[in-house]
Protein backbone atom coordinates (compact mmCIF):
# COMPACT_ATOMS: atom_id res chain seq x y z
CA MET A 1 0.00 0.00 0.00
CA ALA A 2 1.28 3.49 -0.89
CA ARG A 3 2.43 5.68 2.00
CA LYS A 4 0.30 8.73 2.81
CA ASN A 5 1.66 10.80 5.72
CA TYR A 6 5.38 10.58 6.38
CA PHE A 7 8.75 12.35 6.44
CA PHE A 8 11.41 11.58 3.82
CA THR A 9 15.05 12.68 3.72
CA SER A 10 17.59 12.79 0.88
CA GLU A 11 21.17 14.04 0.77
CA SER A 12 23.56 15.40 -1.84
CA VAL A 13 27.25 16.28 -1.83
CA THR A 14 29.32 18.92 -3.59
CA GLU A 15 31.77 18.25 -6.39
CA GLY A 16 34.58 18.64 -3.83
CA HIS A 17 33.41 15.71 -1.70
CA PRO A 18 36.14 13.00 -1.84
CA ASP A 19 33.85 10.35 -3.38
CA LYS A 20 32.68 12.81 -6.01
CA ILE A 21 36.27 13.79 -6.86
CA ALA A 22 36.86 10.11 -7.57
CA ASP A 23 33.70 9.85 -9.71
CA GLN A 24 34.65 12.92 -11.74
CA ILE A 25 38.20 11.67 -12.34
CA SER A 26 36.88 8.29 -13.54
CA ASP A 27 34.39 9.92 -15.89
CA ALA A 28 36.92 12.50 -17.13
CA ILE A 29 39.19 9.63 -18.16
CA LEU A 30 36.23 7.87 -19.82
CA ASP A 31 35.36 11.05 -21.75
CA ALA A 32 38.95 11.57 -22.92
CA ILE A 33 39.08 8.01 -24.26
CA ILE A 34 35.60 7.87 -25.80
CA ALA A 35 36.22 11.21 -27.58
CA GLN A 36 38.94 9.47 -29.61
CA ASP A 37 37.70 5.88 -29.55
CA PRO A 38 33.87 5.69 -29.23
CA VAL A 39 33.89 1.87 -28.99
CA ALA A 40 36.51 1.66 -26.22
CA ARG A 41 35.82 -0.56 -23.24
CA VAL A 42 36.42 1.34 -20.03
CA ALA A 43 36.05 0.34 -16.39
CA CYS A 44 37.98 2.97 -14.46
CA GLU A 45 38.15 3.25 -10.67
CA THR A 46 39.73 6.06 -8.65
CA LEU A 47 40.84 6.41 -5.03
CA VAL A 48 41.82 9.78 -3.55
CA THR A 49 43.38 10.41 -0.16
CA THR A 50 45.83 12.89 1.38
CA GLY A 51 48.27 13.85 -1.38
CA LEU A 52 47.38 10.93 -3.63
CA ALA A 53 45.12 9.95 -6.55
CA PHE A 54 45.24 6.29 -7.55
CA VAL A 55 43.59 5.19 -10.82
CA ALA A 56 43.03 1.51 -11.60
CA GLY A 57 40.88 -0.51 -13.95
CA GLU A 58 40.45 -2.38 -17.19
CA ILE A 59 40.63 -0.33 -20.40
CA SER A 60 40.74 -1.62 -23.97
CA THR A 61 41.24 1.15 -26.53
CA THR A 62 43.12 2.09 -29.70
CA CYS A 63 43.93 5.61 -28.46
CA TYR A 64 46.31 7.13 -25.92
CA VAL A 65 45.40 9.59 -23.18
CA HIS A 66 47.76 10.95 -20.53
CA ILE A 67 45.91 10.02 -17.37
CA PRO A 68 47.96 12.14 -14.89
CA ASP A 69 47.12 15.32 -16.83
CA ILE A 70 43.41 14.46 -16.83
CA VAL A 71 43.48 13.75 -13.09
CA ARG A 72 45.24 17.02 -12.25
CA GLU A 73 42.99 19.12 -14.49
CA THR A 74 39.89 17.60 -12.91
CA ILE A 75 41.14 18.29 -9.39
CA LYS A 76 42.06 21.86 -10.38
CA ASN A 77 38.61 22.58 -11.84
CA ILE A 78 36.92 21.30 -8.68
CA GLY A 79 38.88 23.85 -6.65
CA TYR A 80 41.68 22.00 -4.86
CA THR A 81 44.33 24.51 -5.86
CA ARG A 82 46.24 25.09 -2.61
CA ALA A 83 48.51 22.66 -0.75
CA LYS A 84 47.15 23.92 2.60
CA TYR A 85 43.88 22.09 1.77
CA GLY A 86 45.85 18.84 2.22
CA PHE A 87 45.19 17.92 -1.40
CA ASP A 88 45.88 19.94 -4.53
CA TYR A 89 46.31 19.35 -8.23
CA GLU A 90 49.95 20.45 -8.44
CA THR A 91 51.49 18.48 -5.58
CA CYS A 92 49.40 15.31 -5.33
CA SER A 93 50.91 12.06 -6.55
CA VAL A 94 49.12 10.26 -9.38
CA ILE A 95 49.54 6.49 -9.62
CA THR A 96 47.96 4.32 -12.31
CA SER A 97 47.42 0.58 -12.65
CA ILE A 98 45.58 -0.17 -15.89
CA ASP A 99 45.04 -3.51 -17.61
CA GLN A 100 42.95 -4.61 -20.60
CA GLN A 101 39.39 -5.88 -20.40
CA SER A 102 39.16 -9.64 -20.03
CA GLY A 103 38.81 -11.46 -23.35
CA ASP A 104 36.22 -13.71 -21.70
CA ILE A 105 33.96 -10.70 -21.14
CA ALA A 106 34.66 -9.18 -24.56
CA MET A 107 33.59 -12.41 -26.25
CA GLY A 108 29.99 -11.88 -25.13
CA VAL A 109 29.89 -8.10 -25.40
CA ASP A 110 31.34 -7.89 -28.93
CA THR A 111 28.30 -9.78 -30.24
CA GLY A 112 25.90 -7.28 -28.67
CA GLY A 113 25.38 -8.84 -25.25
CA ALA A 114 25.25 -7.06 -21.91
CA GLY A 115 28.62 -6.27 -20.34
CA ASP A 116 27.62 -7.86 -17.05
CA GLN A 117 24.71 -9.39 -15.20
CA GLY A 118 22.77 -7.09 -12.91
CA LEU A 119 19.56 -5.27 -12.12
CA MET A 120 18.84 -1.59 -12.65
CA PHE A 121 16.01 0.67 -11.53
CA GLY A 122 14.54 3.80 -13.07
CA PHE A 123 12.15 6.12 -11.25
CA ALA A 124 9.99 9.14 -12.00
CA CYS A 125 7.20 11.02 -10.25
CA ASN A 126 5.27 14.25 -10.75
CA GLU A 127 6.48 16.00 -7.56
CA THR A 128 8.76 18.37 -9.52
CA GLU A 129 9.02 19.75 -13.04
CA GLU A 130 12.02 17.47 -13.54
CA LEU A 131 9.76 14.50 -12.67
CA MET A 132 12.11 13.67 -9.79
CA PRO A 133 11.51 13.26 -6.05
CA LEU A 134 11.49 16.64 -4.31
CA PRO A 135 13.96 15.84 -1.47
CA ILE A 136 16.85 14.88 -3.75
CA MET A 137 16.22 17.77 -6.17
CA LEU A 138 16.35 20.33 -3.35
CA ALA A 139 19.43 18.67 -1.84
CA HIS A 140 21.18 18.85 -5.25
CA LYS A 141 20.22 22.50 -5.73
CA ILE A 142 21.57 23.45 -2.31
CA ALA A 143 24.83 21.57 -2.96
CA MET A 144 25.21 23.20 -6.39
CA ARG A 145 24.58 26.63 -4.87
CA LEU A 146 27.19 25.91 -2.18
CA SER A 147 29.81 25.39 -4.89
CA GLU A 148 28.56 28.37 -6.89
CA VAL A 149 28.96 30.89 -4.04
CA ARG A 150 32.43 29.48 -3.33
CA LYS A 151 33.64 29.71 -6.92
CA ASN A 152 32.11 33.18 -7.47
CA ASP A 153 33.70 34.51 -4.23
CA VAL A 154 30.29 35.33 -2.73
CA LEU A 155 31.41 33.29 0.29
CA PRO A 156 35.20 33.11 -0.25
CA TYR A 157 35.85 31.36 3.07
CA LEU A 158 34.16 28.18 1.82
CA ARG A 159 36.27 25.26 0.61
CA PRO A 160 35.33 22.54 -1.89
CA ASP A 161 34.03 19.74 0.36
CA GLY A 162 30.37 19.92 1.41
CA LYS A 163 27.08 18.11 1.93
CA SER A 164 23.39 18.96 2.02
CA GLN A 165 20.35 17.13 3.34
CA VAL A 166 16.64 17.91 3.08
CA THR A 167 13.70 16.39 5.00
CA ILE A 168 10.23 16.85 3.46
CA GLU A 169 6.95 16.26 5.27
CA TYR A 170 4.40 14.51 3.03
CA LYS A 171 0.65 14.63 3.54
CA ASP A 172 -1.67 12.41 1.50
CA GLY A 173 1.37 11.28 -0.45
CA LYS A 174 2.32 14.80 -1.62
CA PRO A 175 5.03 17.22 -0.44
CA PHE A 176 3.59 19.52 2.23
CA ARG A 177 6.49 21.41 3.81
CA ILE A 178 10.23 21.37 4.38
CA ASP A 179 10.91 20.13 7.88
CA THR A 180 14.73 20.13 8.14
CA ILE A 181 17.70 21.36 6.10
CA VAL A 182 21.26 20.31 6.93
CA VAL A 183 24.29 21.92 5.29
CA SER A 184 27.89 21.09 6.16
CA SER A 185 30.67 22.88 4.30
CA GLN A 186 34.42 22.89 4.65
CA HIS A 187 35.64 26.37 5.53
CA SER A 188 38.72 28.42 6.40
CA PRO A 189 39.71 28.33 10.08
CA ASP A 190 39.08 32.02 10.76
CA VAL A 191 35.34 32.27 9.97
CA HIS A 192 32.85 32.62 12.85
CA MET A 193 30.13 29.95 12.89
CA LYS A 194 27.40 32.51 13.60
CA ASP A 195 28.31 34.46 10.44
CA MET A 196 28.60 31.27 8.40
CA LYS A 197 25.17 30.03 9.51
CA GLU A 198 23.53 33.33 8.53
CA ASP A 199 25.35 33.35 5.18
CA ILE A 200 24.40 29.76 4.32
CA ILE A 201 20.72 30.35 5.12
CA GLU A 202 20.45 33.66 3.27
CA LYS A 203 22.84 33.13 0.32
CA VAL A 204 22.70 29.38 -0.27
CA ILE A 205 19.41 27.93 0.97
CA LYS A 206 16.81 30.64 0.41
CA PRO A 207 17.78 31.45 -3.22
CA VAL A 208 17.07 27.86 -4.34
CA VAL A 209 14.33 26.56 -2.01
CA PRO A 210 10.66 27.28 -2.94
CA LYS A 211 9.20 29.82 -0.52
CA LYS A 212 5.83 28.06 -0.47
CA LEU A 213 7.45 25.01 1.12
CA LEU A 214 9.62 26.95 3.57
CA ASP A 215 7.69 27.41 6.81
CA GLU A 216 10.07 29.88 8.48
CA GLU A 217 8.44 29.42 11.89
CA ASN A 218 8.97 25.68 12.00
CA VAL A 219 11.79 24.72 9.61
CA LYS A 220 14.89 23.44 11.38
CA TYR A 221 18.34 24.47 10.09
CA TYR A 222 21.52 22.60 11.00
CA ILE A 223 24.53 24.41 9.54
CA ASN A 224 27.86 22.70 10.27
CA PRO A 225 26.28 21.05 13.31
CA THR A 226 29.64 19.85 14.72
CA GLY A 227 30.72 23.51 14.91
CA ARG A 228 33.85 23.15 12.78
CA PHE A 229 34.76 21.65 9.37
CA VAL A 230 38.26 22.87 8.48
CA VAL A 231 39.88 19.54 7.63
CA GLY A 232 37.99 18.15 4.65
CA GLY A 233 38.32 16.74 1.15
CA PRO A 234 40.67 13.79 0.63
CA MET A 235 42.72 14.93 3.64
CA GLY A 236 39.74 14.33 5.90
CA ASP A 237 38.26 11.27 4.20
CA THR A 238 39.34 8.82 1.52
CA GLY A 239 37.23 9.01 -1.66
CA LEU A 240 36.29 6.14 -3.95
CA THR A 241 34.49 5.88 -7.28
CA GLY A 242 30.95 4.59 -6.97
CA ARG A 243 30.35 5.22 -3.29
CA LYS A 244 27.54 7.77 -3.75
CA ILE A 245 25.07 5.68 -5.76
CA ILE A 246 22.01 7.01 -3.89
CA VAL A 247 23.11 10.63 -4.38
CA ASP A 248 23.62 9.75 -8.07
CA SER A 249 20.11 8.36 -8.48
CA TYR A 250 16.91 9.19 -6.55
CA GLY A 251 18.01 10.00 -3.02
CA GLY A 252 16.75 6.75 -1.55
CA VAL A 253 13.30 6.90 -3.14
CA GLY A 254 12.51 3.59 -4.77
CA SER A 255 15.06 0.82 -5.17
CA HIS A 256 18.67 0.57 -6.35
CA GLY A 257 20.34 -2.35 -8.10
CA GLY A 258 23.70 -1.69 -6.43
CA GLY A 259 25.85 -0.91 -9.48
CA CYS A 260 27.52 2.48 -9.78
CA PHE A 261 27.71 4.55 -12.98
CA SER A 262 30.96 6.51 -13.15
CA GLY A 263 34.01 5.23 -15.01
CA LYS A 264 32.00 2.72 -17.06
CA ASP A 265 31.50 2.82 -20.83
CA PRO A 266 27.89 2.36 -22.04
CA THR A 267 28.23 -1.36 -22.80
CA LYS A 268 28.11 -1.73 -19.03
CA VAL A 269 24.39 -2.04 -18.28
CA ASP A 270 24.97 -0.73 -14.76
CA ARG A 271 25.13 2.61 -16.54
CA SER A 272 23.15 2.31 -19.79
CA GLY A 273 20.47 0.11 -18.20
CA ALA A 274 19.94 2.62 -15.40
CA TYR A 275 19.76 5.47 -17.90
CA VAL A 276 17.18 3.75 -20.10
CA SER A 277 15.17 2.74 -17.01
CA ARG A 278 14.95 6.42 -16.06
CA TYR A 279 14.04 7.27 -19.67
CA ILE A 280 11.18 4.75 -19.61
CA ALA A 281 9.94 5.85 -16.19
CA LYS A 282 10.02 9.55 -17.10
CA ASN A 283 8.09 8.99 -20.31
CA ILE A 284 5.46 6.94 -18.47
CA VAL A 285 4.88 9.75 -15.96
CA ALA A 286 5.01 12.45 -18.67
CA SER A 287 2.36 10.52 -20.63
CA GLY A 288 -0.03 10.53 -17.67
CA ILE A 289 -0.12 6.74 -17.46
CA ALA A 290 1.05 6.99 -13.84
CA ASP A 291 1.88 9.73 -11.32
CA ARG A 292 4.73 7.70 -9.88
CA VAL A 293 6.54 4.71 -11.35
CA GLU A 294 9.54 2.48 -10.83
CA VAL A 295 10.94 0.32 -13.62
CA GLN A 296 13.31 -2.60 -13.05
CA LEU A 297 15.41 -4.17 -15.80
CA ALA A 298 17.66 -7.19 -15.28
CA TYR A 299 20.37 -8.56 -17.59
CA ALA A 300 22.60 -11.61 -17.97
CA ILE A 301 26.19 -11.19 -19.16
CA GLY A 302 26.51 -11.71 -22.91
CA ILE A 303 22.71 -11.81 -23.46
CA PRO A 304 21.23 -8.82 -25.35
CA GLU A 305 17.60 -8.73 -24.15
CA PRO A 306 16.73 -8.12 -20.48
CA VAL A 307 15.82 -11.30 -18.61
CA SER A 308 13.02 -9.46 -16.81
CA ILE A 309 11.05 -6.19 -16.74
CA LEU A 310 9.06 -5.07 -13.69
CA VAL A 311 6.82 -2.02 -13.31
CA ASP A 312 5.42 -0.63 -10.04
CA THR A 313 3.10 2.39 -10.22
CA PHE A 314 2.47 2.57 -6.45
CA GLU A 315 -1.29 2.45 -7.06
CA THR A 316 -1.17 5.54 -9.32
CA GLY A 317 -1.42 3.79 -12.70
CA LYS A 318 -4.26 4.50 -15.13
CA ILE A 319 -3.83 1.08 -16.75
CA ALA A 320 -2.70 -2.31 -15.43
CA GLU A 321 1.02 -2.78 -14.81
CA ASP A 322 1.25 -5.84 -17.09
CA LYS A 323 -0.08 -3.66 -19.93
CA ILE A 324 2.60 -1.06 -19.18
CA VAL A 325 5.25 -3.79 -19.47
CA LYS A 326 3.86 -4.68 -22.91
CA LEU A 327 4.05 -1.00 -23.92
CA ILE A 328 7.68 -0.89 -22.79
CA ARG A 329 8.62 -3.99 -24.79
CA LYS A 330 6.94 -2.57 -27.88
CA ASN A 331 8.28 0.99 -27.72
CA PHE A 332 11.81 0.67 -26.31
CA ASN A 333 14.79 -1.28 -27.67
CA LEU A 334 16.35 -2.61 -24.48
CA THR A 335 19.39 -4.38 -25.91
CA PRO A 336 22.69 -2.68 -25.00
CA LYS A 337 23.22 -1.84 -28.70
CA GLY A 338 19.70 -0.39 -28.97
CA ILE A 339 20.05 1.65 -25.79
CA ILE A 340 23.43 3.05 -26.83
CA GLU A 341 22.18 4.02 -30.29
CA HIS A 342 18.86 5.54 -29.20
CA LEU A 343 20.34 7.54 -26.31
CA ASN A 344 23.50 8.34 -28.33
CA LEU A 345 25.81 7.28 -25.50
CA ARG A 346 29.10 6.93 -27.38
CA ARG A 347 30.00 10.57 -26.73
CA PRO A 348 32.20 12.34 -24.14
CA ILE A 349 29.25 13.51 -22.01
CA PHE A 350 29.87 11.63 -18.79
CA LYS A 351 32.05 13.88 -16.62
CA LYS A 352 29.16 16.30 -16.14
CA THR A 353 26.98 13.46 -14.87
CA ALA A 354 29.46 12.77 -12.07
CA ALA A 355 28.29 15.51 -9.66
CA TYR A 356 24.81 16.58 -8.51
CA GLY A 357 23.04 13.51 -9.86
CA HIS A 358 22.71 11.67 -13.16
CA PHE A 359 18.98 12.39 -13.40
CA GLY A 360 16.76 15.46 -13.39
CA LYS A 361 19.12 17.82 -15.22
CA ASN A 362 17.93 20.03 -18.07
CA ASP A 363 20.82 19.30 -20.43
CA PRO A 364 20.38 18.25 -24.08
CA ASP A 365 23.26 15.78 -23.72
CA PHE A 366 21.26 13.91 -21.07
CA THR A 367 19.16 12.12 -23.67
CA TRP A 368 17.61 9.85 -21.03
CA GLU A 369 15.78 12.92 -19.68
CA LYS A 370 13.78 13.43 -22.89
CA THR A 371 10.04 12.77 -22.91
CA ASP A 372 9.82 12.21 -26.66
CA LYS A 373 7.90 8.93 -26.32
CA ALA A 374 5.23 10.23 -23.96
CA ASP A 375 2.65 11.06 -26.63
CA ALA A 376 2.97 7.66 -28.31
CA LEU A 377 2.65 5.87 -24.98
CA LYS A 378 -0.41 7.91 -24.04
CA LYS A 379 -2.07 7.16 -27.34
CA GLU A 380 -1.39 3.44 -27.16
CA ALA A 381 -2.57 3.33 -23.55
CA GLY A 382 -5.86 4.93 -24.59
CA ILE A 383 -5.91 7.58 -21.87
């Protein structure tokens, strides 16, 4: 049974969070390779810690890219430009350990099969114009604003590492009010917490949060609740590719198959399968067939077609769920080759997915966010 009255919380992190540094490095390397060799096979993992970036993985390609330069440029653009942060692009060590993709895997993928077994989920709902859950969208917007005011010197005492968290109160299954907002940001040691709290509320939170949901009398703000966040970034916490999969997807709403996205070329269904699942879900909601929907796809390594498709409309569907599955099979090519071609995934577009979520962005390169099949689905559904 669908929930009616409840509180739900989602979090996001800034591009300077250690795990997100790792994601962006992995996807920057993927982009550099795929720009020259669109059919390259890439599985690239990154670890960052104090003074060190370590890149490992399996890469099969006909081109050459200088990985240390890509790593340093990515770190520089994020904002780690001073050694006093404990991690910076000029002085950090870069170590690589790269091998080729296994021939056993390639044997099944070269013929059009999935690059691995696994299950992926896509989700959409009509809570926001992006057809995303409200808590994660607000958390992303706050985190993006946190980086924006740092880079534009509006709040020059901020440093790159940061997190946001938003709790929404739902009534009758719909967002009613914002209950709690948490923001933690790395900062210089000489800023006063009272000033920082006022600045974050007035210059970060309020410019991006809808006023109609912000009950000033009752909303709870927690700004750097420990009272101090000077040591941050890879100096304060080791970062790894693929450790923010809930931030990357729907903020904990719905289910997750467990596979991360960053550093993987589109033959890996962890990535392409999740993207097409979102594409399907968004078009179903945009068509009016359901107000809220989750789509699961599952694949076997080397097999092109998904082994299963599941649809859950959370009791909001206008037609039966088995009929929606039939519509999906008819209107979407779900083989890895079909997904890659329809969503045009063999392009260097992945680094910009690696911070502030892979879904809900208004970017023409994010082809999985299009609703170009909504009218056809609505017509076939007869609604």
